[in-house]
Amino acid sequence: MKQVFDAFTANIQVESIEPFGGGLINDTFRVRNQNPEGVDFLLQRINHQVFKDVSGLMHNMELVTQFLNEKISSSVALQDTCQTLKIIPTSSGLSYFQDENGSFWRVVKFLKRVSVI
């Protein structure tokens, strides 16, 4: 899985890659950064038996996250309380990667919980 993760432009020293969550459709893994102050990521194998058009799926995901990021950026109140996914592109600029076995993968920044007082 490290080889798959390296196809993306996250540029971190990986401490570990471990299963994350209990999803029924996709396989999800948390990529832990060796730097404790650094960002972690989620690496996800997209079930292309369910999502036949991976390119279309990722295009929709890009549009939704862009829209949400614009809404958050335009509101001071939301900036302190909201987060959205950040899709990490591959070195070729795509939002997903297809490995030699035909599996499709995506990487997003791991979102930590935000507390609001």
PDB file of N, CA and C in Angstrom:
ATOM      1  N   MET A   1       0.815  -1.197   0.000  1.00  0.00           N
ATOM      2  CA  MET A   1       0.000   0.000   0.000  1.00  0.00           C
ATOM      3  C   MET A   1       0.861   1.265   0.000  1.00  0.00           C
ATOM      4  N   LYS A   2       2.049   1.158   0.545  1.00  0.00           N
ATOM      5  CA  LYS A   2       2.952   2.310   0.542  1.00  0.00           C
ATOM      6  C   LYS A   2       3.236   2.737  -0.893  1.00  0.00           C
ATOM      7  N   GLN A   3       3.398   1.773  -1.780  1.00  0.00           N
ATOM      8  CA  GLN A   3       3.659   2.072  -3.189  1.00  0.00           C
ATOM      9  C   GLN A   3       2.473   2.814  -3.812  1.00  0.00           C
ATOM     10  N   VAL A   4       1.258   2.427  -3.470  1.00  0.00           N
ATOM     11  CA  VAL A   4       0.061   3.134  -3.956  1.00  0.00           C
ATOM     12  C   VAL A   4       0.038   4.543  -3.393  1.00  0.00           C
ATOM     13  N   PHE A   5       0.260   4.682  -2.095  1.00  0.00           N
ATOM     14  CA  PHE A   5       0.248   6.004  -1.465  1.00  0.00           C
ATOM     15  C   PHE A   5       1.295   6.923  -2.097  1.00  0.00           C
ATOM     16  N   ASP A   6       2.438   6.367  -2.456  1.00  0.00           N
ATOM     17  CA  ASP A   6       3.507   7.166  -3.054  1.00  0.00           C
ATOM     18  C   ASP A   6       3.133   7.734  -4.428  1.00  0.00           C
ATOM     19  N   ALA A   7       2.059   7.225  -5.043  1.00  0.00           N
ATOM     20  CA  ALA A   7       1.597   7.773  -6.324  1.00  0.00           C
ATOM     21  C   ALA A   7       0.949   9.150  -6.135  1.00  0.00           C
ATOM     22  N   PHE A   8       0.613   9.478  -4.895  1.00  0.00           N
ATOM     23  CA  PHE A   8      -0.029  10.757  -4.589  1.00  0.00           C
ATOM     24  C   PHE A   8       1.021  11.754  -4.093  1.00  0.00           C
ATOM     25  N   THR A   9       0.692  13.039  -4.133  1.00  0.00           N
ATOM     26  CA  THR A   9       1.664  14.089  -3.818  1.00  0.00           C
ATOM     27  C   THR A   9       1.635  14.519  -2.363  1.00  0.00           C
ATOM     28  N   ALA A  10       1.414  13.595  -1.454  1.00  0.00           N
ATOM     29  CA  ALA A  10       1.334  13.937  -0.039  1.00  0.00           C
ATOM     30  C   ALA A  10       2.713  14.255   0.553  1.00  0.00           C
ATOM     31  N   ASN A  11       3.758  13.637   0.020  1.00  0.00           N
ATOM     32  CA  ASN A  11       5.140  13.917   0.439  1.00  0.00           C
ATOM     33  C   ASN A  11       5.352  13.888   1.953  1.00  0.00           C
ATOM     34  N   ILE A  12       5.085  12.747   2.559  1.00  0.00           N
ATOM     35  CA  ILE A  12       5.349  12.597   3.993  1.00  0.00           C
ATOM     36  C   ILE A  12       6.160  11.334   4.217  1.00  0.00           C
ATOM     37  N   GLN A  13       6.775  11.272   5.370  1.00  0.00           N
ATOM     38  CA  GLN A  13       7.425  10.047   5.815  1.00  0.00           C
ATOM     39  C   GLN A  13       6.356   9.217   6.524  1.00  0.00           C
ATOM     40  N   VAL A  14       6.004   8.089   5.960  1.00  0.00           N
ATOM     41  CA  VAL A  14       4.925   7.258   6.485  1.00  0.00           C
ATOM     42  C   VAL A  14       5.407   6.457   7.687  1.00  0.00           C
ATOM     43  N   GLU A  15       4.663   6.592   8.783  1.00  0.00           N
ATOM     44  CA  GLU A  15       4.933   5.775   9.970  1.00  0.00           C
ATOM     45  C   GLU A  15       4.238   4.426   9.836  1.00  0.00           C
ATOM     46  N   SER A  16       2.954   4.461   9.436  1.00  0.00           N
ATOM     47  CA  SER A  16       2.197   3.219   9.286  1.00  0.00           C
ATOM     48  C   SER A  16       0.983   3.458   8.400  1.00  0.00           C
ATOM     49  N   ILE A  17       0.490   2.359   7.854  1.00  0.00           N
ATOM     50  CA  ILE A  17      -0.769   2.355   7.109  1.00  0.00           C
ATOM     51  C   ILE A  17      -1.598   1.244   7.717  1.00  0.00           C
ATOM     52  N   GLU A  18      -2.747   1.625   8.290  1.00  0.00           N
ATOM     53  CA  GLU A  18      -3.558   0.647   9.018  1.00  0.00           C
ATOM     54  C   GLU A  18      -5.036   0.790   8.656  1.00  0.00           C
ATOM     55  N   PRO A  19      -5.790  -0.313   8.708  1.00  0.00           N
ATOM     56  CA  PRO A  19      -7.220  -0.234   8.417  1.00  0.00           C
ATOM     57  C   PRO A  19      -7.893   0.812   9.299  1.00  0.00           C
ATOM     58  N   PHE A  20      -8.899   1.481   8.719  1.00  0.00           N
ATOM     59  CA  PHE A  20      -9.594   2.546   9.440  1.00  0.00           C
ATOM     60  C   PHE A  20     -11.093   2.412   9.178  1.00  0.00           C
ATOM     61  N   GLY A  21     -11.878   2.433  10.235  1.00  0.00           N
ATOM     62  CA  GLY A  21     -13.334   2.389  10.093  1.00  0.00           C
ATOM     63  C   GLY A  21     -13.833   1.014   9.716  1.00  0.00           C
ATOM     64  N   GLY A  22     -15.115   0.968   9.452  1.00  0.00           N
ATOM     65  CA  GLY A  22     -15.746  -0.301   9.122  1.00  0.00           C
ATOM     66  C   GLY A  22     -16.633  -0.186   7.904  1.00  0.00           C
ATOM     67  N   GLY A  23     -16.150   0.512   6.891  1.00  0.00           N
ATOM     68  CA  GLY A  23     -16.950   0.725   5.685  1.00  0.00           C
ATOM     69  C   GLY A  23     -17.342  -0.573   5.008  1.00  0.00           C
ATOM     70  N   LEU A  24     -18.509  -0.563   4.401  1.00  0.00           N
ATOM     71  CA  LEU A  24     -19.019  -1.750   3.717  1.00  0.00           C
ATOM     72  C   LEU A  24     -18.775  -1.714   2.214  1.00  0.00           C
ATOM     73  N   ILE A  25     -18.442  -0.532   1.671  1.00  0.00           N
ATOM     74  CA  ILE A  25     -18.297  -0.419   0.222  1.00  0.00           C
ATOM     75  C   ILE A  25     -16.828  -0.294  -0.178  1.00  0.00           C
ATOM     76  N   ASN A  26     -16.126   0.676   0.409  1.00  0.00           N
ATOM     77  CA  ASN A  26     -14.723   0.911   0.091  1.00  0.00           C
ATOM     78  C   ASN A  26     -13.837   0.407   1.221  1.00  0.00           C
ATOM     79  N   ASP A  27     -12.567   0.167   0.918  1.00  0.00           N
ATOM     80  CA  ASP A  27     -11.579  -0.206   1.934  1.00  0.00           C
ATOM     81  C   ASP A  27     -10.796   1.056   2.285  1.00  0.00           C
ATOM     82  N   THR A  28     -10.763   1.405   3.577  1.00  0.00           N
ATOM     83  CA  THR A  28     -10.154   2.660   4.007  1.00  0.00           C
ATOM     84  C   THR A  28      -9.009   2.377   4.971  1.00  0.00           C
ATOM     85  N   PHE A  29      -7.922   3.143   4.790  1.00  0.00           N
ATOM     86  CA  PHE A  29      -6.725   2.992   5.601  1.00  0.00           C
ATOM     87  C   PHE A  29      -6.250   4.364   6.062  1.00  0.00           C
ATOM     88  N   ARG A  30      -5.824   4.438   7.326  1.00  0.00           N
ATOM     89  CA  ARG A  30      -5.235   5.677   7.833  1.00  0.00           C
ATOM     90  C   ARG A  30      -3.730   5.608   7.608  1.00  0.00           C
ATOM     91  N   VAL A  31      -3.217   6.651   6.986  1.00  0.00           N
ATOM     92  CA  VAL A  31      -1.780   6.772   6.757  1.00  0.00           C
ATOM     93  C   VAL A  31      -1.244   7.726   7.810  1.00  0.00           C
ATOM     94  N   ARG A  32      -0.465   7.192   8.731  1.00  0.00           N
ATOM     95  CA  ARG A  32       0.078   8.009   9.824  1.00  0.00           C
ATOM     96  C   ARG A  32       1.426   8.604   9.428  1.00  0.00           C
ATOM     97  N   ASN A  33       1.542   9.880   9.696  1.00  0.00           N
ATOM     98  CA  ASN A  33       2.753  10.625   9.424  1.00  0.00           C
ATOM     99  C   ASN A  33       3.781  10.344  10.527  1.00  0.00           C
ATOM    100  N   GLN A  34       5.048  10.142  10.161  1.00  0.00           N
ATOM    101  CA  GLN A  34       6.102   9.956  11.165  1.00  0.00           C
ATOM    102  C   GLN A  34       6.263  11.196  12.028  1.00  0.00           C
ATOM    103  N   ASN A  35       6.015  12.363  11.447  1.00  0.00           N
ATOM    104  CA  ASN A  35       6.109  13.624  12.181  1.00  0.00           C
ATOM    105  C   ASN A  35       4.830  13.800  12.993  1.00  0.00           C
ATOM    106  N   PRO A  36       4.906  13.797  14.328  1.00  0.00           N
ATOM    107  CA  PRO A  36       3.691  13.917  15.142  1.00  0.00           C
ATOM    108  C   PRO A  36       2.942  15.239  14.931  1.00  0.00           C
ATOM    109  N   GLU A  37       3.633  16.244  14.434  1.00  0.00           N
ATOM    110  CA  GLU A  37       2.991  17.538  14.140  1.00  0.00           C
ATOM    111  C   GLU A  37       2.440  17.570  12.719  1.00  0.00           C
ATOM    112  N   GLY A  38       2.739  16.556  11.941  1.00  0.00           N
ATOM    113  CA  GLY A  38       2.346  16.528  10.535  1.00  0.00           C
ATOM    114  C   GLY A  38       0.922  16.042  10.325  1.00  0.00           C
ATOM    115  N   VAL A  39       0.516  16.110   9.095  1.00  0.00           N
ATOM    116  CA  VAL A  39      -0.835  15.732   8.684  1.00  0.00           C
ATOM    117  C   VAL A  39      -0.888  14.234   8.390  1.00  0.00           C
ATOM    118  N   ASP A  40      -1.983  13.593   8.809  1.00  0.00           N
ATOM    119  CA  ASP A  40      -2.263  12.209   8.426  1.00  0.00           C
ATOM    120  C   ASP A  40      -3.216  12.227   7.236  1.00  0.00           C
ATOM    121  N   PHE A  41      -3.359  11.070   6.607  1.00  0.00           N
ATOM    122  CA  PHE A  41      -4.208  10.966   5.414  1.00  0.00           C
ATOM    123  C   PHE A  41      -5.067   9.711   5.482  1.00  0.00           C
ATOM    124  N   LEU A  42      -6.123   9.702   4.683  1.00  0.00           N
ATOM    125  CA  LEU A  42      -6.911   8.497   4.460  1.00  0.00           C
ATOM    126  C   LEU A  42      -6.649   8.027   3.039  1.00  0.00           C
ATOM    127  N   LEU A  43      -6.289   6.781   2.911  1.00  0.00           N
ATOM    128  CA  LEU A  43      -6.088   6.123   1.621  1.00  0.00           C
ATOM    129  C   LEU A  43      -7.276   5.198   1.440  1.00  0.00           C
ATOM    130  N   GLN A  44      -7.958   5.337   0.312  1.00  0.00           N
ATOM    131  CA  GLN A  44      -9.186   4.559   0.133  1.00  0.00           C
ATOM    132  C   GLN A  44      -9.191   3.850  -1.209  1.00  0.00           C
ATOM    133  N   ARG A  45      -9.444   2.539  -1.148  1.00  0.00           N
ATOM    134  CA  ARG A  45      -9.640   1.764  -2.371  1.00  0.00           C
ATOM    135  C   ARG A  45     -11.114   1.877  -2.730  1.00  0.00           C
ATOM    136  N   ILE A  46     -11.382   2.448  -3.888  1.00  0.00           N
ATOM    137  CA  ILE A  46     -12.757   2.670  -4.341  1.00  0.00           C
ATOM    138  C   ILE A  46     -13.286   1.369  -4.938  1.00  0.00           C
ATOM    139  N   ASN A  47     -14.443   0.952  -4.493  1.00  0.00           N
ATOM    140  CA  ASN A  47     -15.060  -0.263  -5.017  1.00  0.00           C
ATOM    141  C   ASN A  47     -15.646   0.051  -6.395  1.00  0.00           C
ATOM    142  N   HIS A  48     -14.885  -0.265  -7.432  1.00  0.00           N
ATOM    143  CA  HIS A  48     -15.343   0.068  -8.785  1.00  0.00           C
ATOM    144  C   HIS A  48     -16.368  -0.931  -9.329  1.00  0.00           C
ATOM    145  N   GLN A  49     -16.737  -1.915  -8.517  1.00  0.00           N
ATOM    146  CA  GLN A  49     -17.888  -2.744  -8.872  1.00  0.00           C
ATOM    147  C   GLN A  49     -19.178  -1.994  -8.534  1.00  0.00           C
ATOM    148  N   VAL A  50     -19.120  -1.166  -7.486  1.00  0.00           N
ATOM    149  CA  VAL A  50     -20.256  -0.332  -7.088  1.00  0.00           C
ATOM    150  C   VAL A  50     -20.229   0.979  -7.854  1.00  0.00           C
ATOM    151  N   PHE A  51     -19.070   1.618  -7.891  1.00  0.00           N
ATOM    152  CA  PHE A  51     -18.896   2.904  -8.573  1.00  0.00           C
ATOM    153  C   PHE A  51     -18.221   2.646  -9.917  1.00  0.00           C
ATOM    154  N   LYS A  52     -19.017   2.396 -10.929  1.00  0.00           N
ATOM    155  CA  LYS A  52     -18.518   1.997 -12.247  1.00  0.00           C
ATOM    156  C   LYS A  52     -17.747   3.114 -12.943  1.00  0.00           C
ATOM    157  N   ASP A  53     -18.131   4.380 -12.694  1.00  0.00           N
ATOM    158  CA  ASP A  53     -17.500   5.534 -13.335  1.00  0.00           C
ATOM    159  C   ASP A  53     -16.657   6.278 -12.294  1.00  0.00           C
ATOM    160  N   VAL A  54     -15.463   5.770 -12.035  1.00  0.00           N
ATOM    161  CA  VAL A  54     -14.608   6.350 -11.000  1.00  0.00           C
ATOM    162  C   VAL A  54     -14.229   7.785 -11.354  1.00  0.00           C
ATOM    163  N   SER A  55     -13.958   8.046 -12.605  1.00  0.00           N
ATOM    164  CA  SER A  55     -13.626   9.408 -13.035  1.00  0.00           C
ATOM    165  C   SER A  55     -14.784  10.368 -12.746  1.00  0.00           C
ATOM    166  N   GLY A  56     -15.999   9.970 -13.059  1.00  0.00           N
ATOM    167  CA  GLY A  56     -17.191  10.782 -12.784  1.00  0.00           C
ATOM    168  C   GLY A  56     -17.421  10.960 -11.291  1.00  0.00           C
ATOM    169  N   LEU A  57     -17.223   9.892 -10.529  1.00  0.00           N
ATOM    170  CA  LEU A  57     -17.359   9.948  -9.079  1.00  0.00           C
ATOM    171  C   LEU A  57     -16.398  10.978  -8.498  1.00  0.00           C
ATOM    172  N   MET A  58     -15.147  10.912  -8.914  1.00  0.00           N
ATOM    173  CA  MET A  58     -14.143  11.824  -8.380  1.00  0.00           C
ATOM    174  C   MET A  58     -14.370  13.258  -8.857  1.00  0.00           C
ATOM    175  N   HIS A  59     -14.854  13.410 -10.070  1.00  0.00           N
ATOM    176  CA  HIS A  59     -15.183  14.759 -10.555  1.00  0.00           C
ATOM    177  C   HIS A  59     -16.284  15.371  -9.682  1.00  0.00           C
ATOM    178  N   ASN A  60     -17.303  14.607  -9.373  1.00  0.00           N
ATOM    179  CA  ASN A  60     -18.375  15.094  -8.493  1.00  0.00           C
ATOM    180  C   ASN A  60     -17.837  15.430  -7.105  1.00  0.00           C
ATOM    181  N   MET A  61     -16.963  14.593  -6.584  1.00  0.00           N
ATOM    182  CA  MET A  61     -16.364  14.844  -5.278  1.00  0.00           C
ATOM    183  C   MET A  61     -15.554  16.140  -5.293  1.00  0.00           C
ATOM    184  N   GLU A  62     -14.818  16.380  -6.373  1.00  0.00           N
ATOM    185  CA  GLU A  62     -14.057  17.623  -6.521  1.00  0.00           C
ATOM    186  C   GLU A  62     -14.985  18.835  -6.522  1.00  0.00           C
ATOM    187  N   LEU A  63     -16.087  18.752  -7.272  1.00  0.00           N
ATOM    188  CA  LEU A  63     -17.030  19.875  -7.345  1.00  0.00           C
ATOM    189  C   LEU A  63     -17.668  20.171  -5.990  1.00  0.00           C
ATOM    190  N   VAL A  64     -18.076  19.138  -5.286  1.00  0.00           N
ATOM    191  CA  VAL A  64     -18.717  19.318  -3.977  1.00  0.00           C
ATOM    192  C   VAL A  64     -17.739  19.911  -2.972  1.00  0.00           C
ATOM    193  N   THR A  65     -16.522  19.377  -2.911  1.00  0.00           N
ATOM    194  CA  THR A  65     -15.555  19.906  -1.943  1.00  0.00           C
ATOM    195  C   THR A  65     -15.145  21.335  -2.298  1.00  0.00           C
ATOM    196  N   GLN A  66     -15.043  21.639  -3.576  1.00  0.00           N
ATOM    197  CA  GLN A  66     -14.727  23.022  -3.988  1.00  0.00           C
ATOM    198  C   GLN A  66     -15.845  23.977  -3.553  1.00  0.00           C
ATOM    199  N   PHE A  67     -17.088  23.591  -3.773  1.00  0.00           N
ATOM    200  CA  PHE A  67     -18.233  24.408  -3.374  1.00  0.00           C
ATOM    201  C   PHE A  67     -18.231  24.641  -1.863  1.00  0.00           C
ATOM    202  N   LEU A  68     -18.046  23.569  -1.094  1.00  0.00           N
ATOM    203  CA  LEU A  68     -18.043  23.694   0.365  1.00  0.00           C
ATOM    204  C   LEU A  68     -16.876  24.547   0.858  1.00  0.00           C
ATOM    205  N   ASN A  69     -15.713  24.374   0.263  1.00  0.00           N
ATOM    206  CA  ASN A  69     -14.557  25.188   0.652  1.00  0.00           C
ATOM    207  C   ASN A  69     -14.795  26.663   0.375  1.00  0.00           C
ATOM    208  N   GLU A  70     -15.454  26.971  -0.734  1.00  0.00           N
ATOM    209  CA  GLU A  70     -15.774  28.369  -1.050  1.00  0.00           C
ATOM    210  C   GLU A  70     -16.753  28.942  -0.033  1.00  0.00           C
ATOM    211  N   LYS A  71     -17.746  28.176   0.373  1.00  0.00           N
ATOM    212  CA  LYS A  71     -18.711  28.627   1.385  1.00  0.00           C
ATOM    213  C   LYS A  71     -18.024  28.883   2.720  1.00  0.00           C
ATOM    214  N   ILE A  72     -17.163  27.967   3.118  1.00  0.00           N
ATOM    215  CA  ILE A  72     -16.449  28.123   4.388  1.00  0.00           C
ATOM    216  C   ILE A  72     -15.522  29.339   4.332  1.00  0.00           C
ATOM    217  N   SER A  73     -14.802  29.485   3.240  1.00  0.00           N
ATOM    218  CA  SER A  73     -13.867  30.607   3.100  1.00  0.00           C
ATOM    219  C   SER A  73     -14.559  31.962   3.127  1.00  0.00           C
ATOM    220  N   SER A  74     -15.796  32.010   2.685  1.00  0.00           N
ATOM    221  CA  SER A  74     -16.504  33.289   2.615  1.00  0.00           C
ATOM    222  C   SER A  74     -17.239  33.635   3.913  1.00  0.00           C
ATOM    223  N   SER A  75     -17.152  32.779   4.920  1.00  0.00           N
ATOM    224  CA  SER A  75     -17.847  33.020   6.184  1.00  0.00           C
ATOM    225  C   SER A  75     -16.878  32.904   7.358  1.00  0.00           C
ATOM    226  N   VAL A  76     -16.657  34.011   8.051  1.00  0.00           N
ATOM    227  CA  VAL A  76     -15.764  34.003   9.208  1.00  0.00           C
ATOM    228  C   VAL A  76     -16.254  33.011  10.259  1.00  0.00           C
ATOM    229  N   ALA A  77     -17.554  32.954  10.479  1.00  0.00           N
ATOM    230  CA  ALA A  77     -18.116  32.038  11.482  1.00  0.00           C
ATOM    231  C   ALA A  77     -17.830  30.576  11.122  1.00  0.00           C
ATOM    232  N   LEU A  78     -17.924  30.229   9.859  1.00  0.00           N
ATOM    233  CA  LEU A  78     -17.694  28.846   9.441  1.00  0.00           C
ATOM    234  C   LEU A  78     -16.219  28.476   9.452  1.00  0.00           C
ATOM    235  N   GLN A  79     -15.337  29.437   9.226  1.00  0.00           N
ATOM    236  CA  GLN A  79     -13.905  29.145   9.151  1.00  0.00           C
ATOM    237  C   GLN A  79     -13.371  28.519  10.429  1.00  0.00           C
ATOM    238  N   ASP A  80     -13.934  28.892  11.564  1.00  0.00           N
ATOM    239  CA  ASP A  80     -13.462  28.363  12.842  1.00  0.00           C
ATOM    240  C   ASP A  80     -14.124  27.057  13.254  1.00  0.00           C
ATOM    241  N   THR A  81     -15.198  26.675  12.579  1.00  0.00           N
ATOM    242  CA  THR A  81     -15.960  25.517  13.040  1.00  0.00           C
ATOM    243  C   THR A  81     -16.137  24.404  12.007  1.00  0.00           C
ATOM    244  N   CYS A  82     -15.767  24.643  10.764  1.00  0.00           N
ATOM    245  CA  CYS A  82     -16.040  23.658   9.715  1.00  0.00           C
ATOM    246  C   CYS A  82     -14.773  23.241   8.976  1.00  0.00           C
ATOM    247  N   GLN A  83     -14.787  22.013   8.538  1.00  0.00           N
ATOM    248  CA  GLN A  83     -13.726  21.467   7.700  1.00  0.00           C
ATOM    249  C   GLN A  83     -14.374  20.708   6.549  1.00  0.00           C
ATOM    250  N   THR A  84     -13.687  20.633   5.441  1.00  0.00           N
ATOM    251  CA  THR A  84     -14.126  19.771   4.345  1.00  0.00           C
ATOM    252  C   THR A  84     -12.942  18.914   3.907  1.00  0.00           C
ATOM    253  N   LEU A  85     -13.250  17.924   3.128  1.00  0.00           N
ATOM    254  CA  LEU A  85     -12.190  17.070   2.605  1.00  0.00           C
ATOM    255  C   LEU A  85     -11.250  17.871   1.714  1.00  0.00           C
ATOM    256  N   LYS A  86      -9.997  17.475   1.722  1.00  0.00           N
ATOM    257  CA  LYS A  86      -9.011  17.993   0.771  1.00  0.00           C
ATOM    258  C   LYS A  86      -8.498  16.784   0.006  1.00  0.00           C
ATOM    259  N   ILE A  87      -8.825  16.755  -1.266  1.00  0.00           N
ATOM    260  CA  ILE A  87      -8.406  15.650  -2.124  1.00  0.00           C
ATOM    261  C   ILE A  87      -6.946  15.863  -2.507  1.00  0.00           C
ATOM    262  N   ILE A  88      -6.129  14.853  -2.332  1.00  0.00           N
ATOM    263  CA  ILE A  88      -4.715  14.919  -2.676  1.00  0.00           C
ATOM    264  C   ILE A  88      -4.542  14.322  -4.076  1.00  0.00           C
ATOM    265  N   PRO A  89      -4.000  15.093  -5.011  1.00  0.00           N
ATOM    266  CA  PRO A  89      -3.847  14.579  -6.375  1.00  0.00           C
ATOM    267  C   PRO A  89      -2.659  13.629  -6.509  1.00  0.00           C
ATOM    268  N   THR A  90      -2.656  12.887  -7.582  1.00  0.00           N
ATOM    269  CA  THR A  90      -1.504  12.054  -7.920  1.00  0.00           C
ATOM    270  C   THR A  90      -0.431  12.961  -8.515  1.00  0.00           C
ATOM    271  N   SER A  91       0.745  12.409  -8.722  1.00  0.00           N
ATOM    272  CA  SER A  91       1.824  13.196  -9.323  1.00  0.00           C
ATOM    273  C   SER A  91       1.480  13.616 -10.751  1.00  0.00           C
ATOM    274  N   SER A  92       0.536  12.930 -11.390  1.00  0.00           N
ATOM    275  CA  SER A  92       0.104  13.325 -12.737  1.00  0.00           C
ATOM    276  C   SER A  92      -1.095  14.270 -12.711  1.00  0.00           C
ATOM    277  N   GLY A  93      -1.544  14.642 -11.501  1.00  0.00           N
ATOM    278  CA  GLY A  93      -2.623  15.624 -11.378  1.00  0.00           C
ATOM    279  C   GLY A  93      -4.021  15.058 -11.275  1.00  0.00           C
ATOM    280  N   LEU A  94      -4.167  13.750 -11.368  1.00  0.00           N
ATOM    281  CA  LEU A  94      -5.493  13.136 -11.244  1.00  0.00           C
ATOM    282  C   LEU A  94      -5.899  13.032  -9.775  1.00  0.00           C
ATOM    283  N   SER A  95      -7.200  12.939  -9.532  1.00  0.00           N
ATOM    284  CA  SER A  95      -7.708  12.810  -8.165  1.00  0.00           C
ATOM    285  C   SER A  95      -7.796  11.351  -7.722  1.00  0.00           C
ATOM    286  N   TYR A  96      -7.403  10.440  -8.569  1.00  0.00           N
ATOM    287  CA  TYR A  96      -7.421   9.013  -8.238  1.00  0.00           C
ATOM    288  C   TYR A  96      -6.276   8.323  -8.970  1.00  0.00           C
ATOM    289  N   PHE A  97      -5.971   7.115  -8.518  1.00  0.00           N
ATOM    290  CA  PHE A  97      -4.879   6.333  -9.081  1.00  0.00           C
ATOM    291  C   PHE A  97      -5.386   4.926  -9.347  1.00  0.00           C
ATOM    292  N   GLN A  98      -5.007   4.364 -10.479  1.00  0.00           N
ATOM    293  CA  GLN A  98      -5.343   2.975 -10.780  1.00  0.00           C
ATOM    294  C   GLN A  98      -4.057   2.154 -10.731  1.00  0.00           C
ATOM    295  N   ASP A  99      -4.043   1.138  -9.865  1.00  0.00           N
ATOM    296  CA  ASP A  99      -2.835   0.324  -9.724  1.00  0.00           C
ATOM    297  C   ASP A  99      -2.773  -0.763 -10.795  1.00  0.00           C
ATOM    298  N   GLU A 100      -1.685  -1.544 -10.760  1.00  0.00           N
ATOM    299  CA  GLU A 100      -1.460  -2.568 -11.788  1.00  0.00           C
ATOM    300  C   GLU A 100      -2.481  -3.698 -11.725  1.00  0.00           C
ATOM    301  N   ASN A 101      -3.211  -3.820 -10.597  1.00  0.00           N
ATOM    302  CA  ASN A 101      -4.251  -4.849 -10.474  1.00  0.00           C
ATOM    303  C   ASN A 101      -5.625  -4.352 -10.921  1.00  0.00           C
ATOM    304  N   GLY A 102      -5.699  -3.073 -11.324  1.00  0.00           N
ATOM    305  CA  GLY A 102      -6.969  -2.505 -11.762  1.00  0.00           C
ATOM    306  C   GLY A 102      -7.771  -1.855 -10.651  1.00  0.00           C
ATOM    307  N   SER A 103      -7.231  -1.819  -9.429  1.00  0.00           N
ATOM    308  CA  SER A 103      -7.933  -1.166  -8.317  1.00  0.00           C
ATOM    309  C   SER A 103      -7.756   0.344  -8.403  1.00  0.00           C
ATOM    310  N   PHE A 104      -8.795   1.064  -7.998  1.00  0.00           N
ATOM    311  CA  PHE A 104      -8.766   2.528  -7.995  1.00  0.00           C
ATOM    312  C   PHE A 104      -8.617   3.020  -6.561  1.00  0.00           C
ATOM    313  N   TRP A 105      -7.799   4.067  -6.380  1.00  0.00           N
ATOM    314  CA  TRP A 105      -7.474   4.603  -5.061  1.00  0.00           C
ATOM    315  C   TRP A 105      -7.631   6.108  -5.055  1.00  0.00           C
ATOM    316  N   ARG A 106      -7.940   6.649  -3.875  1.00  0.00           N
ATOM    317  CA  ARG A 106      -7.931   8.094  -3.663  1.00  0.00           C
ATOM    318  C   ARG A 106      -7.343   8.372  -2.293  1.00  0.00           C
ATOM    319  N   VAL A 107      -6.848   9.604  -2.132  1.00  0.00           N
ATOM    320  CA  VAL A 107      -6.273  10.031  -0.855  1.00  0.00           C
ATOM    321  C   VAL A 107      -6.878  11.373  -0.488  1.00  0.00           C
ATOM    322  N   VAL A 108      -7.268  11.492   0.780  1.00  0.00           N
ATOM    323  CA  VAL A 108      -7.756  12.764   1.318  1.00  0.00           C
ATOM    324  C   VAL A 108      -7.030  13.038   2.628  1.00  0.00           C
ATOM    325  N   LYS A 109      -6.949  14.311   2.956  1.00  0.00           N
ATOM    326  CA  LYS A 109      -6.362  14.711   4.226  1.00  0.00           C
ATOM    327  C   LYS A 109      -7.250  14.186   5.347  1.00  0.00           C
ATOM    328  N   PHE A 110      -6.643  13.645   6.387  1.00  0.00           N
ATOM    329  CA  PHE A 110      -7.379  13.144   7.540  1.00  0.00           C
ATOM    330  C   PHE A 110      -7.915  14.333   8.328  1.00  0.00           C
ATOM    331  N   LEU A 111      -9.208  14.357   8.570  1.00  0.00           N
ATOM    332  CA  LEU A 111      -9.827  15.454   9.313  1.00  0.00           C
ATOM    333  C   LEU A 111      -9.880  15.110  10.790  1.00  0.00           C
ATOM    334  N   LYS A 112      -9.297  15.971  11.591  1.00  0.00           N
ATOM    335  CA  LYS A 112      -9.376  15.793  13.035  1.00  0.00           C
ATOM    336  C   LYS A 112     -10.611  16.512  13.528  1.00  0.00           C
ATOM    337  N   ARG A 113     -11.151  16.048  14.612  1.00  0.00           N
ATOM    338  CA  ARG A 113     -12.353  16.671  15.171  1.00  0.00           C
ATOM    339  C   ARG A 113     -12.049  18.081  15.625  1.00  0.00           C
ATOM    340  N   VAL A 114     -13.028  18.963  15.404  1.00  0.00           N
ATOM    341  CA  VAL A 114     -12.905  20.345  15.828  1.00  0.00           C
ATOM    342  C   VAL A 114     -13.879  20.569  16.981  1.00  0.00           C
ATOM    343  N   SER A 115     -13.385  21.092  18.070  1.00  0.00           N
ATOM    344  CA  SER A 115     -14.243  21.407  19.202  1.00  0.00           C
ATOM    345  C   SER A 115     -14.672  22.869  19.128  1.00  0.00           C
ATOM    346  N   VAL A 116     -15.934  23.094  19.418  1.00  0.00           N
ATOM    347  CA  VAL A 116     -16.469  24.457  19.438  1.00  0.00           C
ATOM    348  C   VAL A 116     -16.947  24.734  20.838  1.00  0.00           C
ATOM    349  N   ILE A 117     -16.460  25.827  21.409  1.00  0.00           N
ATOM    350  CA  ILE A 117     -16.851  26.199  22.779  1.00  0.00           C
ATOM    351  C   ILE A 117     -17.840  27.334  22.722  1.00  0.00           C
TER     352      ILE A 117
END
